[in-house]
Amino acid sequence: MPIDPSAQVHPEADVADDVDIGPFSVIGPHVKIGAGTRVGPHVVISGHTTIGRDNQIFQFVSLGAEPQHRVYAGEPTRLTIGDRNTFREYCSVHRGTVIDQSETIIGDDNLLMAYTHVAHDCVLGNGITMANGASLAGHVRIGDFCILAGFALVYQFRRVGTMAFLAYCSGVQQDVPAFVRSAGAPAVPHGVNSVGMRRRGYTEEEVTAAKRAYRTIYRSKLRLEQAREALREPAQSSEAVRLMLESLEQAERGIIR
């Protein structure tokens, strides 16, 4: 097992035989690390943390530390990470709290760049990019293939829908519907992420349907509940509209306007 002699791996940690652990890293007793994962130097992985296969964890990353929450009292809450994720320098991800689901979850194929932070009880989907300095407060939900540009911030309990795009220094105070581009602090909508949709293989018909749905949400002067009703019929024939409608239905605290 390629573990550097200076690393401290607790004997009760469950580490696959081919995991590479660099100098001076610390792996706690309740940690499980899957095959093919590389842990760089000076990494700390603690708590009840489960990490899947083929993840790349760069130097000075902290995974599974106690949540920054006043009610946390040492409960054995969890951090669960999927496969093929990349955590760059100084990235931090905290485990959950008992006031939510007791678990922070990160899916597959995500890129968390330097100095990003994922707080307690967040749930991230797949294929997400968080650029340098982007941060999530507690209980945030991020949909698949979202992009959070540098220093984008998301307020606690908010949801960011599938393939949404948060521009540089966005300050998200309410939910961002699927496929919507946002910018500013507080963040406001700036159209549909059509470039991202095309890159993910959406047809021009789907892109057009998403743009129509965006106009329904933001240009028709409909209230949120009225916009939901207006999108039900087009959602039956368009995946993009269906995902936009789902994000509206999950918006318990309103959407960016």
C-alpha atoms as a PDB file:
ATOM      1  CA  MET A   1       0.000   0.000   0.000  1.00  0.00           C
ATOM      2  CA  PRO A   2       1.695   3.284  -1.156  1.00  0.00           C
ATOM      3  CA  ILE A   3       1.425   5.218   2.096  1.00  0.00           C
ATOM      4  CA  ASP A   4       4.219   7.623   2.925  1.00  0.00           C
ATOM      5  CA  PRO A   5       5.975   6.714   6.196  1.00  0.00           C
ATOM      6  CA  SER A   6       5.262  10.174   7.629  1.00  0.00           C
ATOM      7  CA  ALA A   7       1.484   9.868   7.096  1.00  0.00           C
ATOM      8  CA  GLN A   8      -0.676   8.983  10.099  1.00  0.00           C
ATOM      9  CA  VAL A   9      -3.330   6.453   9.099  1.00  0.00           C
ATOM     10  CA  HIS A  10      -5.391   5.128  11.982  1.00  0.00           C
ATOM     11  CA  PRO A  11      -5.326   1.321  12.114  1.00  0.00           C
ATOM     12  CA  GLU A  12      -9.135   1.214  12.110  1.00  0.00           C
ATOM     13  CA  ALA A  13      -9.418   3.272   8.895  1.00  0.00           C
ATOM     14  CA  ASP A  14     -10.655   1.267   5.892  1.00  0.00           C
ATOM     15  CA  VAL A  15      -8.298   2.164   3.068  1.00  0.00           C
ATOM     16  CA  ALA A  16      -8.164   0.256  -0.225  1.00  0.00           C
ATOM     17  CA  ASP A  17      -4.845  -1.388  -1.034  1.00  0.00           C
ATOM     18  CA  ASP A  18      -3.947   0.910  -3.928  1.00  0.00           C
ATOM     19  CA  VAL A  19      -4.777   4.231  -2.268  1.00  0.00           C
ATOM     20  CA  ASP A  20      -1.847   6.654  -2.419  1.00  0.00           C
ATOM     21  CA  ILE A  21      -1.422   8.761   0.756  1.00  0.00           C
ATOM     22  CA  GLY A  22       1.184  11.524   0.716  1.00  0.00           C
ATOM     23  CA  PRO A  23       3.547  12.846   3.375  1.00  0.00           C
ATOM     24  CA  PHE A  24       2.185  14.144   6.687  1.00  0.00           C
ATOM     25  CA  SER A  25      -1.451  13.407   5.868  1.00  0.00           C
ATOM     26  CA  VAL A  26      -3.764  12.313   8.700  1.00  0.00           C
ATOM     27  CA  ILE A  27      -6.544   9.739   8.221  1.00  0.00           C
ATOM     28  CA  GLY A  28      -8.962   9.181  11.119  1.00  0.00           C
ATOM     29  CA  PRO A  29     -10.376   5.922  12.503  1.00  0.00           C
ATOM     30  CA  HIS A  30     -13.830   6.173  10.940  1.00  0.00           C
ATOM     31  CA  VAL A  31     -12.642   6.991   7.425  1.00  0.00           C
ATOM     32  CA  LYS A  32     -13.205   4.732   4.417  1.00  0.00           C
ATOM     33  CA  ILE A  33     -11.333   5.424   1.151  1.00  0.00           C
ATOM     34  CA  GLY A  34     -12.077   3.564  -2.092  1.00  0.00           C
ATOM     35  CA  ALA A  35      -9.713   2.123  -4.666  1.00  0.00           C
ATOM     36  CA  GLY A  36      -7.712   4.363  -6.983  1.00  0.00           C
ATOM     37  CA  THR A  37      -8.000   7.457  -4.801  1.00  0.00           C
ATOM     38  CA  ARG A  38      -4.932   9.650  -4.378  1.00  0.00           C
ATOM     39  CA  VAL A  39      -4.494  11.657  -1.174  1.00  0.00           C
ATOM     40  CA  GLY A  40      -1.814  14.332  -1.418  1.00  0.00           C
ATOM     41  CA  PRO A  41       0.491  15.641   1.332  1.00  0.00           C
ATOM     42  CA  HIS A  42      -0.760  17.465   4.433  1.00  0.00           C
ATOM     43  CA  VAL A  43      -4.379  16.331   3.939  1.00  0.00           C
ATOM     44  CA  VAL A  44      -6.656  15.758   6.952  1.00  0.00           C
ATOM     45  CA  ILE A  45      -9.610  13.374   6.593  1.00  0.00           C
ATOM     46  CA  SER A  46     -11.600  12.918   9.797  1.00  0.00           C
ATOM     47  CA  GLY A  47     -15.015  11.987  11.152  1.00  0.00           C
ATOM     48  CA  HIS A  48     -17.295   9.337   9.703  1.00  0.00           C
ATOM     49  CA  THR A  49     -16.177  10.033   6.155  1.00  0.00           C
ATOM     50  CA  THR A  50     -16.664   7.681   3.205  1.00  0.00           C
ATOM     51  CA  ILE A  51     -14.813   8.416  -0.031  1.00  0.00           C
ATOM     52  CA  GLY A  52     -15.439   6.472  -3.240  1.00  0.00           C
ATOM     53  CA  ARG A  53     -13.142   5.421  -6.064  1.00  0.00           C
ATOM     54  CA  ASP A  54     -10.621   7.375  -8.136  1.00  0.00           C
ATOM     55  CA  ASN A  55     -10.832  10.669  -6.277  1.00  0.00           C
ATOM     56  CA  GLN A  56      -7.962  13.152  -6.413  1.00  0.00           C
ATOM     57  CA  ILE A  57      -7.368  15.007  -3.139  1.00  0.00           C
ATOM     58  CA  PHE A  58      -4.657  17.645  -3.349  1.00  0.00           C
ATOM     59  CA  GLN A  59      -2.458  19.067  -0.613  1.00  0.00           C
ATOM     60  CA  PHE A  60      -3.876  20.869   2.425  1.00  0.00           C
ATOM     61  CA  VAL A  61      -7.467  19.667   1.868  1.00  0.00           C
ATOM     62  CA  SER A  62      -9.702  19.105   4.925  1.00  0.00           C
ATOM     63  CA  LEU A  63     -12.547  16.587   4.624  1.00  0.00           C
ATOM     64  CA  GLY A  64     -15.033  15.513   7.300  1.00  0.00           C
ATOM     65  CA  ALA A  65     -14.166  18.008  10.012  1.00  0.00           C
ATOM     66  CA  GLU A  66     -16.726  19.015  12.631  1.00  0.00           C
ATOM     67  CA  PRO A  67     -19.404  21.373  11.280  1.00  0.00           C
ATOM     68  CA  GLN A  68     -19.181  25.063  12.078  1.00  0.00           C
ATOM     69  CA  HIS A  69     -22.502  25.074  13.898  1.00  0.00           C
ATOM     70  CA  ARG A  70     -23.224  26.024  17.503  1.00  0.00           C
ATOM     71  CA  VAL A  71     -25.670  23.144  18.060  1.00  0.00           C
ATOM     72  CA  TYR A  72     -23.170  20.475  17.071  1.00  0.00           C
ATOM     73  CA  ALA A  73     -22.326  18.407  20.154  1.00  0.00           C
ATOM     74  CA  GLY A  74     -20.024  15.695  18.863  1.00  0.00           C
ATOM     75  CA  GLU A  75     -22.637  13.465  17.229  1.00  0.00           C
ATOM     76  CA  PRO A  76     -21.269  10.856  14.749  1.00  0.00           C
ATOM     77  CA  THR A  77     -22.586  12.636  11.665  1.00  0.00           C
ATOM     78  CA  ARG A  78     -21.257  11.802   8.210  1.00  0.00           C
ATOM     79  CA  LEU A  79     -19.619  12.984   5.018  1.00  0.00           C
ATOM     80  CA  THR A  80     -20.174  10.831   1.946  1.00  0.00           C
ATOM     81  CA  ILE A  81     -18.224  11.438  -1.273  1.00  0.00           C
ATOM     82  CA  GLY A  82     -18.744   9.572  -4.537  1.00  0.00           C
ATOM     83  CA  ASP A  83     -16.309   8.720  -7.337  1.00  0.00           C
ATOM     84  CA  ARG A  84     -13.864  10.631  -9.555  1.00  0.00           C
ATOM     85  CA  ASN A  85     -14.056  13.928  -7.697  1.00  0.00           C
ATOM     86  CA  THR A  86     -11.181  16.395  -7.543  1.00  0.00           C
ATOM     87  CA  PHE A  87     -10.507  18.509  -4.446  1.00  0.00           C
ATOM     88  CA  ARG A  88      -7.861  21.164  -5.028  1.00  0.00           C
ATOM     89  CA  GLU A  89      -5.667  22.984  -2.531  1.00  0.00           C
ATOM     90  CA  TYR A  90      -7.208  24.203   0.744  1.00  0.00           C
ATOM     91  CA  CYS A  91     -10.686  22.913  -0.096  1.00  0.00           C
ATOM     92  CA  SER A  92     -12.781  22.152   3.017  1.00  0.00           C
ATOM     93  CA  VAL A  93     -15.918  19.999   3.340  1.00  0.00           C
ATOM     94  CA  HIS A  94     -17.660  19.539   6.696  1.00  0.00           C
ATOM     95  CA  ARG A  95     -19.834  16.666   7.843  1.00  0.00           C
ATOM     96  CA  GLY A  96     -23.547  17.034   8.636  1.00  0.00           C
ATOM     97  CA  THR A  97     -25.576  17.935  11.707  1.00  0.00           C
ATOM     98  CA  VAL A  98     -28.476  16.225  13.461  1.00  0.00           C
ATOM     99  CA  ILE A  99     -30.757  19.197  12.760  1.00  0.00           C
ATOM    100  CA  ASP A 100     -30.841  18.098   9.106  1.00  0.00           C
ATOM    101  CA  GLN A 101     -30.070  14.683   7.603  1.00  0.00           C
ATOM    102  CA  SER A 102     -26.847  14.199   9.606  1.00  0.00           C
ATOM    103  CA  GLU A 103     -24.913  13.913   6.353  1.00  0.00           C
ATOM    104  CA  THR A 104     -23.109  16.044   3.816  1.00  0.00           C
ATOM    105  CA  ILE A 105     -23.168  14.403   0.373  1.00  0.00           C
ATOM    106  CA  ILE A 106     -21.036  14.977  -2.720  1.00  0.00           C
ATOM    107  CA  GLY A 107     -21.815  12.965  -5.857  1.00  0.00           C
ATOM    108  CA  ASP A 108     -19.528  11.986  -8.744  1.00  0.00           C
ATOM    109  CA  ASP A 109     -17.220  13.788 -11.185  1.00  0.00           C
ATOM    110  CA  ASN A 110     -17.174  17.124  -9.366  1.00  0.00           C
ATOM    111  CA  LEU A 111     -14.336  19.649  -9.436  1.00  0.00           C
ATOM    112  CA  LEU A 112     -13.851  21.750  -6.306  1.00  0.00           C
ATOM    113  CA  MET A 113     -11.053  24.211  -6.968  1.00  0.00           C
ATOM    114  CA  ALA A 114      -8.724  25.885  -4.486  1.00  0.00           C
ATOM    115  CA  TYR A 115     -10.177  27.471  -1.328  1.00  0.00           C
ATOM    116  CA  THR A 116     -13.734  26.276  -1.971  1.00  0.00           C
ATOM    117  CA  HIS A 117     -15.907  25.421   1.026  1.00  0.00           C
ATOM    118  CA  VAL A 118     -18.899  23.090   1.410  1.00  0.00           C
ATOM    119  CA  ALA A 119     -20.620  23.491   4.764  1.00  0.00           C
ATOM    120  CA  HIS A 120     -22.585  20.997   6.824  1.00  0.00           C
ATOM    121  CA  ASP A 121     -25.602  19.149   5.385  1.00  0.00           C
ATOM    122  CA  CYS A 122     -25.046  20.285   1.799  1.00  0.00           C
ATOM    123  CA  VAL A 123     -25.949  17.931  -1.050  1.00  0.00           C
ATOM    124  CA  LEU A 124     -24.080  18.221  -4.344  1.00  0.00           C
ATOM    125  CA  GLY A 125     -25.031  16.293  -7.460  1.00  0.00           C
ATOM    126  CA  ASN A 126     -22.710  15.255 -10.282  1.00  0.00           C
ATOM    127  CA  GLY A 127     -20.431  17.096 -12.698  1.00  0.00           C
ATOM    128  CA  ILE A 128     -20.398  20.343 -10.700  1.00  0.00           C
ATOM    129  CA  THR A 129     -17.600  22.886 -10.975  1.00  0.00           C
ATOM    130  CA  MET A 130     -16.869  25.199  -8.050  1.00  0.00           C
ATOM    131  CA  ALA A 131     -14.171  27.690  -9.053  1.00  0.00           C
ATOM    132  CA  ASN A 132     -11.644  29.186  -6.643  1.00  0.00           C
ATOM    133  CA  GLY A 133     -13.141  30.642  -3.485  1.00  0.00           C
ATOM    134  CA  ALA A 134     -16.755  29.606  -4.134  1.00  0.00           C
ATOM    135  CA  SER A 135     -18.522  28.722  -0.874  1.00  0.00           C
ATOM    136  CA  LEU A 136     -21.764  27.100   0.243  1.00  0.00           C
ATOM    137  CA  ALA A 137     -23.441  27.798   3.557  1.00  0.00           C
ATOM    138  CA  GLY A 138     -25.195  24.961   5.387  1.00  0.00           C
ATOM    139  CA  HIS A 139     -28.064  22.901   3.969  1.00  0.00           C
ATOM    140  CA  VAL A 140     -27.528  24.006   0.336  1.00  0.00           C
ATOM    141  CA  ARG A 141     -28.564  21.786  -2.581  1.00  0.00           C
ATOM    142  CA  ILE A 142     -26.668  22.038  -5.893  1.00  0.00           C
ATOM    143  CA  GLY A 143     -27.991  20.269  -9.002  1.00  0.00           C
ATOM    144  CA  ASP A 144     -26.019  18.351 -11.619  1.00  0.00           C
ATOM    145  CA  PHE A 145     -23.556  20.175 -13.923  1.00  0.00           C
ATOM    146  CA  CYS A 146     -23.843  23.545 -12.229  1.00  0.00           C
ATOM    147  CA  ILE A 147     -20.974  26.005 -12.479  1.00  0.00           C
ATOM    148  CA  LEU A 148     -20.117  28.323  -9.612  1.00  0.00           C
ATOM    149  CA  ALA A 149     -17.577  30.885 -10.761  1.00  0.00           C
ATOM    150  CA  GLY A 150     -14.886  32.319  -8.503  1.00  0.00           C
ATOM    151  CA  PHE A 151     -16.058  33.579  -5.101  1.00  0.00           C
ATOM    152  CA  ALA A 152     -19.717  32.775  -5.762  1.00  0.00           C
ATOM    153  CA  LEU A 153     -21.578  32.441  -2.455  1.00  0.00           C
ATOM    154  CA  VAL A 154     -24.830  30.606  -1.708  1.00  0.00           C
ATOM    155  CA  TYR A 155     -26.908  31.425   1.366  1.00  0.00           C
ATOM    156  CA  GLN A 156     -28.029  28.623   3.698  1.00  0.00           C
ATOM    157  CA  PHE A 157     -31.004  26.392   2.807  1.00  0.00           C
ATOM    158  CA  ARG A 158     -30.971  27.545  -0.840  1.00  0.00           C
ATOM    159  CA  ARG A 159     -31.214  25.385  -3.942  1.00  0.00           C
ATOM    160  CA  VAL A 160     -29.400  25.820  -7.246  1.00  0.00           C
ATOM    161  CA  GLY A 161     -31.081  23.881 -10.051  1.00  0.00           C
ATOM    162  CA  THR A 162     -29.555  21.645 -12.694  1.00  0.00           C
ATOM    163  CA  MET A 163     -26.983  23.319 -14.962  1.00  0.00           C
ATOM    164  CA  ALA A 164     -27.455  26.758 -13.448  1.00  0.00           C
ATOM    165  CA  PHE A 165     -24.536  29.179 -13.804  1.00  0.00           C
ATOM    166  CA  LEU A 166     -23.461  31.538 -11.021  1.00  0.00           C
ATOM    167  CA  ALA A 167     -21.163  34.278 -12.263  1.00  0.00           C
ATOM    168  CA  TYR A 168     -18.088  35.640 -10.495  1.00  0.00           C
ATOM    169  CA  CYS A 169     -18.870  36.973  -7.000  1.00  0.00           C
ATOM    170  CA  SER A 170     -22.551  36.081  -7.217  1.00  0.00           C
ATOM    171  CA  GLY A 171     -24.384  36.322  -3.912  1.00  0.00           C
ATOM    172  CA  VAL A 172     -27.294  33.869  -4.026  1.00  0.00           C
ATOM    173  CA  GLN A 173     -29.957  34.746  -1.457  1.00  0.00           C
ATOM    174  CA  GLN A 174     -32.841  32.753  -2.995  1.00  0.00           C
ATOM    175  CA  ASP A 175     -33.151  29.656  -5.168  1.00  0.00           C
ATOM    176  CA  VAL A 176     -31.784  29.628  -8.714  1.00  0.00           C
ATOM    177  CA  PRO A 177     -33.987  27.671 -11.156  1.00  0.00           C
ATOM    178  CA  ALA A 178     -32.462  25.038 -13.418  1.00  0.00           C
ATOM    179  CA  PHE A 179     -30.532  26.354 -16.459  1.00  0.00           C
ATOM    180  CA  VAL A 180     -30.688  29.970 -15.275  1.00  0.00           C
ATOM    181  CA  ARG A 181     -27.603  32.215 -15.395  1.00  0.00           C
ATOM    182  CA  SER A 182     -27.213  34.626 -12.508  1.00  0.00           C
ATOM    183  CA  ALA A 183     -24.855  37.422 -11.524  1.00  0.00           C
ATOM    184  CA  GLY A 184     -24.542  40.150  -8.934  1.00  0.00           C
ATOM    185  CA  ALA A 185     -24.851  40.466  -5.187  1.00  0.00           C
ATOM    186  CA  PRO A 186     -27.640  39.850  -4.558  1.00  0.00           C
ATOM    187  CA  ALA A 187     -27.765  37.598  -7.618  1.00  0.00           C
ATOM    188  CA  VAL A 188     -30.335  38.359 -10.318  1.00  0.00           C
ATOM    189  CA  PRO A 189     -31.259  36.287 -13.399  1.00  0.00           C
ATOM    190  CA  HIS A 190     -29.490  36.863 -16.713  1.00  0.00           C
ATOM    191  CA  GLY A 191     -31.088  34.424 -19.139  1.00  0.00           C
ATOM    192  CA  VAL A 192     -30.584  30.745 -19.854  1.00  0.00           C
ATOM    193  CA  ASN A 193     -27.307  28.832 -19.814  1.00  0.00           C
ATOM    194  CA  SER A 194     -27.706  27.918 -23.482  1.00  0.00           C
ATOM    195  CA  VAL A 195     -23.969  27.377 -24.016  1.00  0.00           C
ATOM    196  CA  GLY A 196     -23.870  24.834 -21.209  1.00  0.00           C
ATOM    197  CA  MET A 197     -26.997  23.135 -22.514  1.00  0.00           C
ATOM    198  CA  ARG A 198     -25.487  22.677 -25.962  1.00  0.00           C
ATOM    199  CA  ARG A 199     -22.269  21.346 -24.484  1.00  0.00           C
ATOM    200  CA  ARG A 200     -24.290  18.761 -22.573  1.00  0.00           C
ATOM    201  CA  GLY A 201     -26.022  17.647 -25.769  1.00  0.00           C
ATOM    202  CA  TYR A 202     -29.361  19.412 -25.510  1.00  0.00           C
ATOM    203  CA  THR A 203     -30.993  20.015 -28.877  1.00  0.00           C
ATOM    204  CA  GLU A 204     -31.857  23.453 -30.202  1.00  0.00           C
ATOM    205  CA  GLU A 205     -35.506  22.609 -29.575  1.00  0.00           C
ATOM    206  CA  GLU A 206     -34.743  22.019 -25.904  1.00  0.00           C
ATOM    207  CA  VAL A 207     -32.738  25.239 -25.670  1.00  0.00           C
ATOM    208  CA  THR A 208     -35.633  27.141 -27.241  1.00  0.00           C
ATOM    209  CA  ALA A 209     -38.089  25.513 -24.827  1.00  0.00           C
ATOM    210  CA  ALA A 210     -35.919  26.549 -21.871  1.00  0.00           C
ATOM    211  CA  LYS A 211     -35.798  30.127 -23.153  1.00  0.00           C
ATOM    212  CA  ARG A 212     -39.599  30.192 -23.464  1.00  0.00           C
ATOM    213  CA  ALA A 213     -39.899  28.870 -19.926  1.00  0.00           C
ATOM    214  CA  TYR A 214     -37.478  31.548 -18.719  1.00  0.00           C
ATOM    215  CA  ARG A 215     -39.680  34.232 -20.293  1.00  0.00           C
ATOM    216  CA  THR A 216     -42.691  32.700 -18.561  1.00  0.00           C
ATOM    217  CA  ILE A 217     -40.926  32.830 -15.207  1.00  0.00           C
ATOM    218  CA  TYR A 218     -39.269  36.229 -15.524  1.00  0.00           C
ATOM    219  CA  ARG A 219     -40.896  38.280 -18.282  1.00  0.00           C
ATOM    220  CA  SER A 220     -44.598  37.510 -18.034  1.00  0.00           C
ATOM    221  CA  LYS A 221     -45.105  39.219 -14.646  1.00  0.00           C
ATOM    222  CA  LEU A 222     -46.657  36.024 -13.315  1.00  0.00           C
ATOM    223  CA  ARG A 223     -46.417  35.174  -9.650  1.00  0.00           C
ATOM    224  CA  LEU A 224     -44.374  32.097  -8.823  1.00  0.00           C
ATOM    225  CA  GLU A 225     -47.374  29.818  -8.362  1.00  0.00           C
ATOM    226  CA  GLN A 226     -48.855  31.075 -11.633  1.00  0.00           C
ATOM    227  CA  ALA A 227     -45.599  30.414 -13.473  1.00  0.00           C
ATOM    228  CA  ARG A 228     -45.586  26.876 -12.133  1.00  0.00           C
ATOM    229  CA  GLU A 229     -49.037  26.247 -13.548  1.00  0.00           C
ATOM    230  CA  ALA A 230     -48.111  27.797 -16.886  1.00  0.00           C
ATOM    231  CA  LEU A 231     -45.156  25.426 -17.253  1.00  0.00           C
ATOM    232  CA  ARG A 232     -46.967  22.188 -16.514  1.00  0.00           C
ATOM    233  CA  GLU A 233     -48.103  21.566 -20.079  1.00  0.00           C
ATOM    234  CA  PRO A 234     -44.768  22.331 -21.844  1.00  0.00           C
ATOM    235  CA  ALA A 235     -42.983  20.274 -19.172  1.00  0.00           C
ATOM    236  CA  GLN A 236     -44.723  17.180 -20.481  1.00  0.00           C
ATOM    237  CA  SER A 237     -42.794  17.352 -23.770  1.00  0.00           C
ATOM    238  CA  SER A 238     -39.504  18.978 -22.702  1.00  0.00           C
ATOM    239  CA  GLU A 239     -36.931  17.628 -20.253  1.00  0.00           C
ATOM    240  CA  ALA A 240     -35.437  21.081 -19.760  1.00  0.00           C
ATOM    241  CA  VAL A 241     -38.795  22.626 -18.887  1.00  0.00           C
ATOM    242  CA  ARG A 242     -39.564  19.703 -16.596  1.00  0.00           C
ATOM    243  CA  LEU A 243     -36.353  20.342 -14.664  1.00  0.00           C
ATOM    244  CA  MET A 244     -37.094  24.065 -14.494  1.00  0.00           C
ATOM    245  CA  LEU A 245     -40.569  23.324 -13.172  1.00  0.00           C
ATOM    246  CA  GLU A 246     -39.160  20.931 -10.577  1.00  0.00           C
ATOM    247  CA  SER A 247     -36.814  23.614  -9.307  1.00  0.00           C
ATOM    248  CA  LEU A 248     -39.734  26.037  -9.003  1.00  0.00           C
ATOM    249  CA  GLU A 249     -41.760  23.487  -7.069  1.00  0.00           C
ATOM    250  CA  GLN A 250     -38.872  22.969  -4.644  1.00  0.00           C
ATOM    251  CA  ALA A 251     -38.389  26.710  -4.076  1.00  0.00           C
ATOM    252  CA  GLU A 252     -39.753  27.051  -0.558  1.00  0.00           C
ATOM    253  CA  ARG A 253     -38.019  30.409  -0.022  1.00  0.00           C
ATOM    254  CA  GLY A 254     -38.629  31.986  -3.416  1.00  0.00           C
ATOM    255  CA  ILE A 255     -36.386  32.371  -6.450  1.00  0.00           C
ATOM    256  CA  ILE A 256     -33.951  35.075  -7.545  1.00  0.00           C
ATOM    257  CA  ARG A 257     -35.700  37.968  -9.274  1.00  0.00           C
END
